[in-house]
Amino acid sequence: MQKDLYEFVNNRKWTNYSFKYEEKIECTLMITISDRISTDEFKGTMNIQLRRPIYRTSYYSTMFNYIDKDIPFKYVEGQNLNTTKMPSTQT
């Protein structure tokens, strides 16, 4: 799962813009699995942290830090990871 997630995040083109290496936003994604519901269904927590370099320094600035304490998901080893759109809500 770690390898598949790494490849999905790092090999996907997220934008049409081109950035220099020192301009790129660094992302840390940590998933902790707490339950294995079935052979392909899991439940756990996820922490996402984004940071960007501060221009002309060796420092970084945290842009986003989020913890989701309840993430159910399906994962089948060797199957391509895909994103799914959340259903839109009509008001």
PDB file of N, CA and C in Angstrom:
ATOM      1  N   MET A   1       0.821  -1.189   0.000  1.00  0.00           N
ATOM      2  CA  MET A   1       0.000   0.000   0.000  1.00  0.00           C
ATOM      3  C   MET A   1       0.868   1.257   0.000  1.00  0.00           C
ATOM      4  N   GLN A   2       1.936   1.252   0.768  1.00  0.00           N
ATOM      5  CA  GLN A   2       2.820   2.413   0.839  1.00  0.00           C
ATOM      6  C   GLN A   2       3.403   2.728  -0.537  1.00  0.00           C
ATOM      7  N   LYS A   3       3.881   1.708  -1.243  1.00  0.00           N
ATOM      8  CA  LYS A   3       4.467   1.907  -2.568  1.00  0.00           C
ATOM      9  C   LYS A   3       3.419   2.419  -3.552  1.00  0.00           C
ATOM     10  N   ASP A   4       2.237   1.827  -3.550  1.00  0.00           N
ATOM     11  CA  ASP A   4       1.169   2.255  -4.465  1.00  0.00           C
ATOM     12  C   ASP A   4       0.757   3.695  -4.205  1.00  0.00           C
ATOM     13  N   LEU A   5       0.635   4.091  -2.955  1.00  0.00           N
ATOM     14  CA  LEU A   5       0.251   5.459  -2.615  1.00  0.00           C
ATOM     15  C   LEU A   5       1.357   6.439  -2.999  1.00  0.00           C
ATOM     16  N   TYR A   6       2.608   6.067  -2.741  1.00  0.00           N
ATOM     17  CA  TYR A   6       3.746   6.912  -3.118  1.00  0.00           C
ATOM     18  C   TYR A   6       3.750   7.164  -4.627  1.00  0.00           C
ATOM     19  N   GLU A   7       3.591   6.095  -5.404  1.00  0.00           N
ATOM     20  CA  GLU A   7       3.594   6.235  -6.858  1.00  0.00           C
ATOM     21  C   GLU A   7       2.402   7.042  -7.351  1.00  0.00           C
ATOM     22  N   PHE A   8       1.237   6.859  -6.754  1.00  0.00           N
ATOM     23  CA  PHE A   8       0.053   7.619  -7.142  1.00  0.00           C
ATOM     24  C   PHE A   8       0.263   9.108  -6.918  1.00  0.00           C
ATOM     25  N   VAL A   9       0.769   9.476  -5.766  1.00  0.00           N
ATOM     26  CA  VAL A   9       0.951  10.894  -5.440  1.00  0.00           C
ATOM     27  C   VAL A   9       2.077  11.512  -6.255  1.00  0.00           C
ATOM     28  N   ASN A  10       3.190  10.825  -6.403  1.00  0.00           N
ATOM     29  CA  ASN A  10       4.371  11.412  -7.038  1.00  0.00           C
ATOM     30  C   ASN A  10       4.431  11.273  -8.555  1.00  0.00           C
ATOM     31  N   ASN A  11       3.712  10.336  -9.131  1.00  0.00           N
ATOM     32  CA  ASN A  11       3.760  10.147 -10.580  1.00  0.00           C
ATOM     33  C   ASN A  11       2.557  10.755 -11.301  1.00  0.00           C
ATOM     34  N   ARG A  12       1.630  11.309 -10.552  1.00  0.00           N
ATOM     35  CA  ARG A  12       0.447  11.930 -11.141  1.00  0.00           C
ATOM     36  C   ARG A  12       0.729  13.404 -11.431  1.00  0.00           C
ATOM     37  N   LYS A  13       0.262  13.877 -12.558  1.00  0.00           N
ATOM     38  CA  LYS A  13       0.395  15.298 -12.896  1.00  0.00           C
ATOM     39  C   LYS A  13      -0.827  16.013 -12.327  1.00  0.00           C
ATOM     40  N   TRP A  14      -0.618  16.854 -11.334  1.00  0.00           N
ATOM     41  CA  TRP A  14      -1.705  17.508 -10.615  1.00  0.00           C
ATOM     42  C   TRP A  14      -2.075  18.857 -11.212  1.00  0.00           C
ATOM     43  N   THR A  15      -1.203  19.433 -12.035  1.00  0.00           N
ATOM     44  CA  THR A  15      -1.446  20.748 -12.612  1.00  0.00           C
ATOM     45  C   THR A  15      -0.724  20.858 -13.950  1.00  0.00           C
ATOM     46  N   ASN A  16      -1.119  21.815 -14.749  1.00  0.00           N
ATOM     47  CA  ASN A  16      -0.433  22.065 -16.014  1.00  0.00           C
ATOM     48  C   ASN A  16       0.730  23.038 -15.854  1.00  0.00           C
ATOM     49  N   TYR A  17       0.877  23.610 -14.678  1.00  0.00           N
ATOM     50  CA  TYR A  17       1.965  24.555 -14.415  1.00  0.00           C
ATOM     51  C   TYR A  17       3.276  23.813 -14.203  1.00  0.00           C
ATOM     52  N   SER A  18       4.364  24.473 -14.544  1.00  0.00           N
ATOM     53  CA  SER A  18       5.704  23.925 -14.301  1.00  0.00           C
ATOM     54  C   SER A  18       6.343  24.706 -13.165  1.00  0.00           C
ATOM     55  N   PHE A  19       6.958  23.980 -12.235  1.00  0.00           N
ATOM     56  CA  PHE A  19       7.604  24.596 -11.088  1.00  0.00           C
ATOM     57  C   PHE A  19       9.040  24.115 -10.994  1.00  0.00           C
ATOM     58  N   LYS A  20       9.900  24.987 -10.516  1.00  0.00           N
ATOM     59  CA  LYS A  20      11.277  24.595 -10.216  1.00  0.00           C
ATOM     60  C   LYS A  20      11.234  23.711  -8.974  1.00  0.00           C
ATOM     61  N   TYR A  21      12.260  22.890  -8.817  1.00  0.00           N
ATOM     62  CA  TYR A  21      12.303  21.981  -7.671  1.00  0.00           C
ATOM     63  C   TYR A  21      12.151  22.740  -6.360  1.00  0.00           C
ATOM     64  N   GLU A  22      12.833  23.877  -6.223  1.00  0.00           N
ATOM     65  CA  GLU A  22      12.799  24.635  -4.966  1.00  0.00           C
ATOM     66  C   GLU A  22      11.467  25.363  -4.748  1.00  0.00           C
ATOM     67  N   GLU A  23      10.578  25.349  -5.728  1.00  0.00           N
ATOM     68  CA  GLU A  23       9.267  25.984  -5.589  1.00  0.00           C
ATOM     69  C   GLU A  23       8.170  24.989  -5.208  1.00  0.00           C
ATOM     70  N   LYS A  24       8.481  23.733  -5.247  1.00  0.00           N
ATOM     71  CA  LYS A  24       7.459  22.714  -5.029  1.00  0.00           C
ATOM     72  C   LYS A  24       7.024  22.636  -3.568  1.00  0.00           C
ATOM     73  N   ILE A  25       5.745  22.353  -3.393  1.00  0.00           N
ATOM     74  CA  ILE A  25       5.165  22.193  -2.064  1.00  0.00           C
ATOM     75  C   ILE A  25       5.419  20.766  -1.599  1.00  0.00           C
ATOM     76  N   GLU A  26       5.884  20.630  -0.380  1.00  0.00           N
ATOM     77  CA  GLU A  26       6.178  19.322   0.194  1.00  0.00           C
ATOM     78  C   GLU A  26       4.951  18.820   0.945  1.00  0.00           C
ATOM     79  N   CYS A  27       4.609  17.568   0.725  1.00  0.00           N
ATOM     80  CA  CYS A  27       3.435  16.971   1.368  1.00  0.00           C
ATOM     81  C   CYS A  27       3.858  15.758   2.188  1.00  0.00           C
ATOM     82  N   THR A  28       3.361  15.690   3.405  1.00  0.00           N
ATOM     83  CA  THR A  28       3.544  14.513   4.239  1.00  0.00           C
ATOM     84  C   THR A  28       2.163  13.923   4.477  1.00  0.00           C
ATOM     85  N   LEU A  29       2.007  12.663   4.143  1.00  0.00           N
ATOM     86  CA  LEU A  29       0.732  11.975   4.285  1.00  0.00           C
ATOM     87  C   LEU A  29       0.957  10.738   5.139  1.00  0.00           C
ATOM     88  N   MET A  30       0.266  10.672   6.269  1.00  0.00           N
ATOM     89  CA  MET A  30       0.424   9.517   7.149  1.00  0.00           C
ATOM     90  C   MET A  30      -0.936   8.881   7.392  1.00  0.00           C
ATOM     91  N   ILE A  31      -1.056   7.616   7.019  1.00  0.00           N
ATOM     92  CA  ILE A  31      -2.285   6.863   7.235  1.00  0.00           C
ATOM     93  C   ILE A  31      -1.995   5.796   8.273  1.00  0.00           C
ATOM     94  N   THR A  32      -2.805   5.763   9.308  1.00  0.00           N
ATOM     95  CA  THR A  32      -2.691   4.752  10.347  1.00  0.00           C
ATOM     96  C   THR A  32      -3.934   3.873  10.282  1.00  0.00           C
ATOM     97  N   ILE A  33      -3.736   2.595  10.005  1.00  0.00           N
ATOM     98  CA  ILE A  33      -4.862   1.667   9.899  1.00  0.00           C
ATOM     99  C   ILE A  33      -5.176   1.125  11.284  1.00  0.00           C
ATOM    100  N   SER A  34      -6.439   1.291  11.699  1.00  0.00           N
ATOM    101  CA  SER A  34      -6.851   0.811  13.018  1.00  0.00           C
ATOM    102  C   SER A  34      -7.667  -0.473  12.931  1.00  0.00           C
ATOM    103  N   ASP A  35      -8.397  -0.678  11.820  1.00  0.00           N
ATOM    104  CA  ASP A  35      -9.235  -1.877  11.661  1.00  0.00           C
ATOM    105  C   ASP A  35      -9.165  -2.389  10.235  1.00  0.00           C
ATOM    106  N   ARG A  36      -9.140  -3.694  10.112  1.00  0.00           N
ATOM    107  CA  ARG A  36      -9.293  -4.339   8.807  1.00  0.00           C
ATOM    108  C   ARG A  36     -10.672  -4.968   8.814  1.00  0.00           C
ATOM    109  N   ILE A  37     -11.593  -4.321   8.129  1.00  0.00           N
ATOM    110  CA  ILE A  37     -12.992  -4.731   8.153  1.00  0.00           C
ATOM    111  C   ILE A  37     -13.207  -5.999   7.330  1.00  0.00           C
ATOM    112  N   SER A  38     -12.571  -6.071   6.164  1.00  0.00           N
ATOM    113  CA  SER A  38     -12.606  -7.264   5.315  1.00  0.00           C
ATOM    114  C   SER A  38     -11.270  -7.337   4.581  1.00  0.00           C
ATOM    115  N   THR A  39     -11.174  -8.216   3.597  1.00  0.00           N
ATOM    116  CA  THR A  39      -9.893  -8.368   2.900  1.00  0.00           C
ATOM    117  C   THR A  39      -9.475  -7.111   2.144  1.00  0.00           C
ATOM    118  N   ASP A  40     -10.452  -6.282   1.740  1.00  0.00           N
ATOM    119  CA  ASP A  40     -10.106  -5.070   0.996  1.00  0.00           C
ATOM    120  C   ASP A  40     -10.675  -3.794   1.606  1.00  0.00           C
ATOM    121  N   GLU A  41     -11.247  -3.864   2.787  1.00  0.00           N
ATOM    122  CA  GLU A  41     -11.810  -2.679   3.440  1.00  0.00           C
ATOM    123  C   GLU A  41     -11.079  -2.401   4.751  1.00  0.00           C
ATOM    124  N   PHE A  42     -10.726  -1.114   4.933  1.00  0.00           N
ATOM    125  CA  PHE A  42      -9.954  -0.703   6.090  1.00  0.00           C
ATOM    126  C   PHE A  42     -10.571   0.541   6.715  1.00  0.00           C
ATOM    127  N   LYS A  43     -10.181   0.801   7.941  1.00  0.00           N
ATOM    128  CA  LYS A  43     -10.600   2.008   8.644  1.00  0.00           C
ATOM    129  C   LYS A  43      -9.389   2.523   9.411  1.00  0.00           C
ATOM    130  N   GLY A  44      -9.257   3.845   9.452  1.00  0.00           N
ATOM    131  CA  GLY A  44      -8.111   4.403  10.151  1.00  0.00           C
ATOM    132  C   GLY A  44      -8.170   5.908  10.255  1.00  0.00           C
ATOM    133  N   THR A  45      -6.988   6.505  10.455  1.00  0.00           N
ATOM    134  CA  THR A  45      -6.863   7.957  10.539  1.00  0.00           C
ATOM    135  C   THR A  45      -5.857   8.417   9.492  1.00  0.00           C
ATOM    136  N   MET A  46      -5.954   9.689   9.142  1.00  0.00           N
ATOM    137  CA  MET A  46      -5.043  10.242   8.150  1.00  0.00           C
ATOM    138  C   MET A  46      -4.610  11.636   8.579  1.00  0.00           C
ATOM    139  N   ASN A  47      -3.311  11.897   8.479  1.00  0.00           N
ATOM    140  CA  ASN A  47      -2.750  13.215   8.774  1.00  0.00           C
ATOM    141  C   ASN A  47      -2.086  13.721   7.504  1.00  0.00           C
ATOM    142  N   ILE A  48      -2.497  14.921   7.064  1.00  0.00           N
ATOM    143  CA  ILE A  48      -1.914  15.557   5.881  1.00  0.00           C
ATOM    144  C   ILE A  48      -1.262  16.862   6.314  1.00  0.00           C
ATOM    145  N   GLN A  49      -0.018  17.046   5.922  1.00  0.00           N
ATOM    146  CA  GLN A  49       0.680  18.298   6.219  1.00  0.00           C
ATOM    147  C   GLN A  49       1.369  18.789   4.956  1.00  0.00           C
ATOM    148  N   LEU A  50       1.139  20.060   4.628  1.00  0.00           N
ATOM    149  CA  LEU A  50       1.785  20.697   3.483  1.00  0.00           C
ATOM    150  C   LEU A  50       2.684  21.812   3.974  1.00  0.00           C
ATOM    151  N   ARG A  51       3.851  21.906   3.372  1.00  0.00           N
ATOM    152  CA  ARG A  51       4.748  23.016   3.702  1.00  0.00           C
ATOM    153  C   ARG A  51       5.437  23.479   2.437  1.00  0.00           C
ATOM    154  N   ARG A  52       5.793  24.750   2.411  1.00  0.00           N
ATOM    155  CA  ARG A  52       6.438  25.322   1.234  1.00  0.00           C
ATOM    156  C   ARG A  52       7.726  26.002   1.645  1.00  0.00           C
ATOM    157  N   PRO A  53       8.675  26.073   0.720  1.00  0.00           N
ATOM    158  CA  PRO A  53       9.930  26.758   1.045  1.00  0.00           C
ATOM    159  C   PRO A  53       9.720  28.267   1.135  1.00  0.00           C
ATOM    160  N   ILE A  54      10.452  28.896   2.028  1.00  0.00           N
ATOM    161  CA  ILE A  54      10.441  30.357   2.133  1.00  0.00           C
ATOM    162  C   ILE A  54      11.552  30.875   1.227  1.00  0.00           C
ATOM    163  N   TYR A  55      11.182  31.768   0.350  1.00  0.00           N
ATOM    164  CA  TYR A  55      12.070  32.268  -0.700  1.00  0.00           C
ATOM    165  C   TYR A  55      13.423  32.721  -0.151  1.00  0.00           C
ATOM    166  N   ARG A  56      14.480  32.209  -0.770  1.00  0.00           N
ATOM    167  CA  ARG A  56      15.884  32.543  -0.458  1.00  0.00           C
ATOM    168  C   ARG A  56      16.314  32.202   0.973  1.00  0.00           C
ATOM    169  N   THR A  57      15.682  31.190   1.558  1.00  0.00           N
ATOM    170  CA  THR A  57      16.103  30.703   2.876  1.00  0.00           C
ATOM    171  C   THR A  57      16.115  29.179   2.836  1.00  0.00           C
ATOM    172  N   SER A  58      16.586  28.591   3.900  1.00  0.00           N
ATOM    173  CA  SER A  58      16.510  27.135   4.021  1.00  0.00           C
ATOM    174  C   SER A  58      15.342  26.731   4.919  1.00  0.00           C
ATOM    175  N   TYR A  59      14.433  27.660   5.177  1.00  0.00           N
ATOM    176  CA  TYR A  59      13.289  27.419   6.048  1.00  0.00           C
ATOM    177  C   TYR A  59      12.038  27.067   5.252  1.00  0.00           C
ATOM    178  N   TYR A  60      11.099  26.449   5.948  1.00  0.00           N
ATOM    179  CA  TYR A  60       9.811  26.091   5.361  1.00  0.00           C
ATOM    180  C   TYR A  60       8.698  26.697   6.196  1.00  0.00           C
ATOM    181  N   SER A  61       7.570  26.922   5.555  1.00  0.00           N
ATOM    182  CA  SER A  61       6.386  27.442   6.231  1.00  0.00           C
ATOM    183  C   SER A  61       5.259  26.422   6.086  1.00  0.00           C
ATOM    184  N   THR A  62       4.640  26.037   7.191  1.00  0.00           N
ATOM    185  CA  THR A  62       3.513  25.108   7.140  1.00  0.00           C
ATOM    186  C   THR A  62       2.307  25.827   6.548  1.00  0.00           C
ATOM    187  N   MET A  63       1.721  25.216   5.537  1.00  0.00           N
ATOM    188  CA  MET A  63       0.571  25.810   4.866  1.00  0.00           C
ATOM    189  C   MET A  63      -0.737  25.177   5.323  1.00  0.00           C
ATOM    190  N   PHE A  64      -0.677  23.888   5.634  1.00  0.00           N
ATOM    191  CA  PHE A  64      -1.900  23.138   5.914  1.00  0.00           C
ATOM    192  C   PHE A  64      -1.543  21.960   6.794  1.00  0.00           C
ATOM    193  N   ASN A  65      -2.341  21.721   7.810  1.00  0.00           N
ATOM    194  CA  ASN A  65      -2.150  20.570   8.682  1.00  0.00           C
ATOM    195  C   ASN A  65      -3.532  20.074   9.083  1.00  0.00           C
ATOM    196  N   TYR A  66      -3.865  18.847   8.697  1.00  0.00           N
ATOM    197  CA  TYR A  66      -5.214  18.345   8.926  1.00  0.00           C
ATOM    198  C   TYR A  66      -5.149  16.894   9.377  1.00  0.00           C
ATOM    199  N   ILE A  67      -5.975  16.549  10.350  1.00  0.00           N
ATOM    200  CA  ILE A  67      -6.097  15.171  10.826  1.00  0.00           C
ATOM    201  C   ILE A  67      -7.549  14.744  10.658  1.00  0.00           C
ATOM    202  N   ASP A  68      -7.751  13.659   9.917  1.00  0.00           N
ATOM    203  CA  ASP A  68      -9.079  13.062   9.779  1.00  0.00           C
ATOM    204  C   ASP A  68      -9.064  11.794  10.616  1.00  0.00           C
ATOM    205  N   LYS A  69      -9.900  11.753  11.630  1.00  0.00           N
ATOM    206  CA  LYS A  69      -9.873  10.639  12.587  1.00  0.00           C
ATOM    207  C   LYS A  69     -10.726   9.455  12.171  1.00  0.00           C
ATOM    208  N   ASP A  70     -11.391   9.538  11.021  1.00  0.00           N
ATOM    209  CA  ASP A  70     -12.272   8.447  10.604  1.00  0.00           C
ATOM    210  C   ASP A  70     -12.286   8.340   9.086  1.00  0.00           C
ATOM    211  N   ILE A  71     -11.395   7.529   8.537  1.00  0.00           N
ATOM    212  CA  ILE A  71     -11.367   7.342   7.089  1.00  0.00           C
ATOM    213  C   ILE A  71     -11.564   5.867   6.732  1.00  0.00           C
ATOM    214  N   PRO A  72     -12.737   5.518   6.281  1.00  0.00           N
ATOM    215  CA  PRO A  72     -12.922   4.171   5.740  1.00  0.00           C
ATOM    216  C   PRO A  72     -12.469   4.171   4.279  1.00  0.00           C
ATOM    217  N   PHE A  73     -11.820   3.104   3.825  1.00  0.00           N
ATOM    218  CA  PHE A  73     -11.383   3.032   2.437  1.00  0.00           C
ATOM    219  C   PHE A  73     -11.198   1.583   2.016  1.00  0.00           C
ATOM    220  N   LYS A  74     -11.210   1.404   0.682  1.00  0.00           N
ATOM    221  CA  LYS A  74     -10.970   0.090   0.091  1.00  0.00           C
ATOM    222  C   LYS A  74      -9.611   0.114  -0.590  1.00  0.00           C
ATOM    223  N   TYR A  75      -8.895  -0.991  -0.477  1.00  0.00           N
ATOM    224  CA  TYR A  75      -7.590  -1.121  -1.129  1.00  0.00           C
ATOM    225  C   TYR A  75      -7.379  -2.574  -1.519  1.00  0.00           C
ATOM    226  N   VAL A  76      -7.059  -2.776  -2.792  1.00  0.00           N
ATOM    227  CA  VAL A  76      -6.725  -4.105  -3.287  1.00  0.00           C
ATOM    228  C   VAL A  76      -5.303  -4.018  -3.829  1.00  0.00           C
ATOM    229  N   GLU A  77      -4.428  -4.830  -3.282  1.00  0.00           N
ATOM    230  CA  GLU A  77      -3.017  -4.788  -3.685  1.00  0.00           C
ATOM    231  C   GLU A  77      -2.874  -5.044  -5.182  1.00  0.00           C
ATOM    232  N   GLY A  78      -2.071  -4.193  -5.840  1.00  0.00           N
ATOM    233  CA  GLY A  78      -1.824  -4.331  -7.260  1.00  0.00           C
ATOM    234  C   GLY A  78      -2.851  -3.631  -8.140  1.00  0.00           C
ATOM    235  N   GLN A  79      -3.957  -3.196  -7.575  1.00  0.00           N
ATOM    236  CA  GLN A  79      -4.977  -2.492  -8.347  1.00  0.00           C
ATOM    237  C   GLN A  79      -4.647  -1.005  -8.374  1.00  0.00           C
ATOM    238  N   ASN A  80      -4.873  -0.356  -9.517  1.00  0.00           N
ATOM    239  CA  ASN A  80      -4.588   1.073  -9.630  1.00  0.00           C
ATOM    240  C   ASN A  80      -5.401   1.871  -8.622  1.00  0.00           C
ATOM    241  N   LEU A  81      -4.751   2.874  -8.032  1.00  0.00           N
ATOM    242  CA  LEU A  81      -5.462   3.775  -7.137  1.00  0.00           C
ATOM    243  C   LEU A  81      -6.184   4.814  -7.977  1.00  0.00           C
ATOM    244  N   ASN A  82      -7.412   5.060  -7.668  1.00  0.00           N
ATOM    245  CA  ASN A  82      -8.211   6.042  -8.391  1.00  0.00           C
ATOM    246  C   ASN A  82      -8.864   6.979  -7.401  1.00  0.00           C
ATOM    247  N   THR A  83      -9.074   8.197  -7.837  1.00  0.00           N
ATOM    248  CA  THR A  83      -9.827   9.130  -7.016  1.00  0.00           C
ATOM    249  C   THR A  83     -11.290   9.034  -7.422  1.00  0.00           C
ATOM    250  N   THR A  84     -12.146   9.254  -6.466  1.00  0.00           N
ATOM    251  CA  THR A  84     -13.574   9.302  -6.755  1.00  0.00           C
ATOM    252  C   THR A  84     -14.106  10.640  -6.306  1.00  0.00           C
ATOM    253  N   LYS A  85     -15.000  11.173  -7.075  1.00  0.00           N
ATOM    254  CA  LYS A  85     -15.589  12.447  -6.721  1.00  0.00           C
ATOM    255  C   LYS A  85     -16.662  12.233  -5.671  1.00  0.00           C
ATOM    256  N   MET A  86     -16.708  13.146  -4.725  1.00  0.00           N
ATOM    257  CA  MET A  86     -17.743  13.105  -3.711  1.00  0.00           C
ATOM    258  C   MET A  86     -19.063  13.483  -4.371  1.00  0.00           C
ATOM    259  N   PRO A  87     -20.145  12.832  -3.982  1.00  0.00           N
ATOM    260  CA  PRO A  87     -21.438  13.219  -4.579  1.00  0.00           C
ATOM    261  C   PRO A  87     -21.783  14.649  -4.198  1.00  0.00           C
ATOM    262  N   SER A  88     -22.302  15.397  -5.164  1.00  0.00           N
ATOM    263  CA  SER A  88     -22.669  16.772  -4.870  1.00  0.00           C
ATOM    264  C   SER A  88     -23.990  16.799  -4.127  1.00  0.00           C
ATOM    265  N   THR A  89     -24.124  17.788  -3.279  1.00  0.00           N
ATOM    266  CA  THR A  89     -25.363  17.929  -2.521  1.00  0.00           C
ATOM    267  C   THR A  89     -26.164  19.076  -3.102  1.00  0.00           C
ATOM    268  N   GLN A  90     -27.409  18.859  -3.280  1.00  0.00           N
ATOM    269  CA  GLN A  90     -28.303  19.874  -3.810  1.00  0.00           C
ATOM    270  C   GLN A  90     -28.996  20.560  -2.639  1.00  0.00           C
ATOM    271  N   THR A  91     -28.986  21.890  -2.638  1.00  0.00           N
ATOM    272  CA  THR A  91     -29.677  22.627  -1.581  1.00  0.00           C
ATOM    273  C   THR A  91     -30.829  23.405  -2.136  1.00  0.00           C
TER     274      THR A  91
END
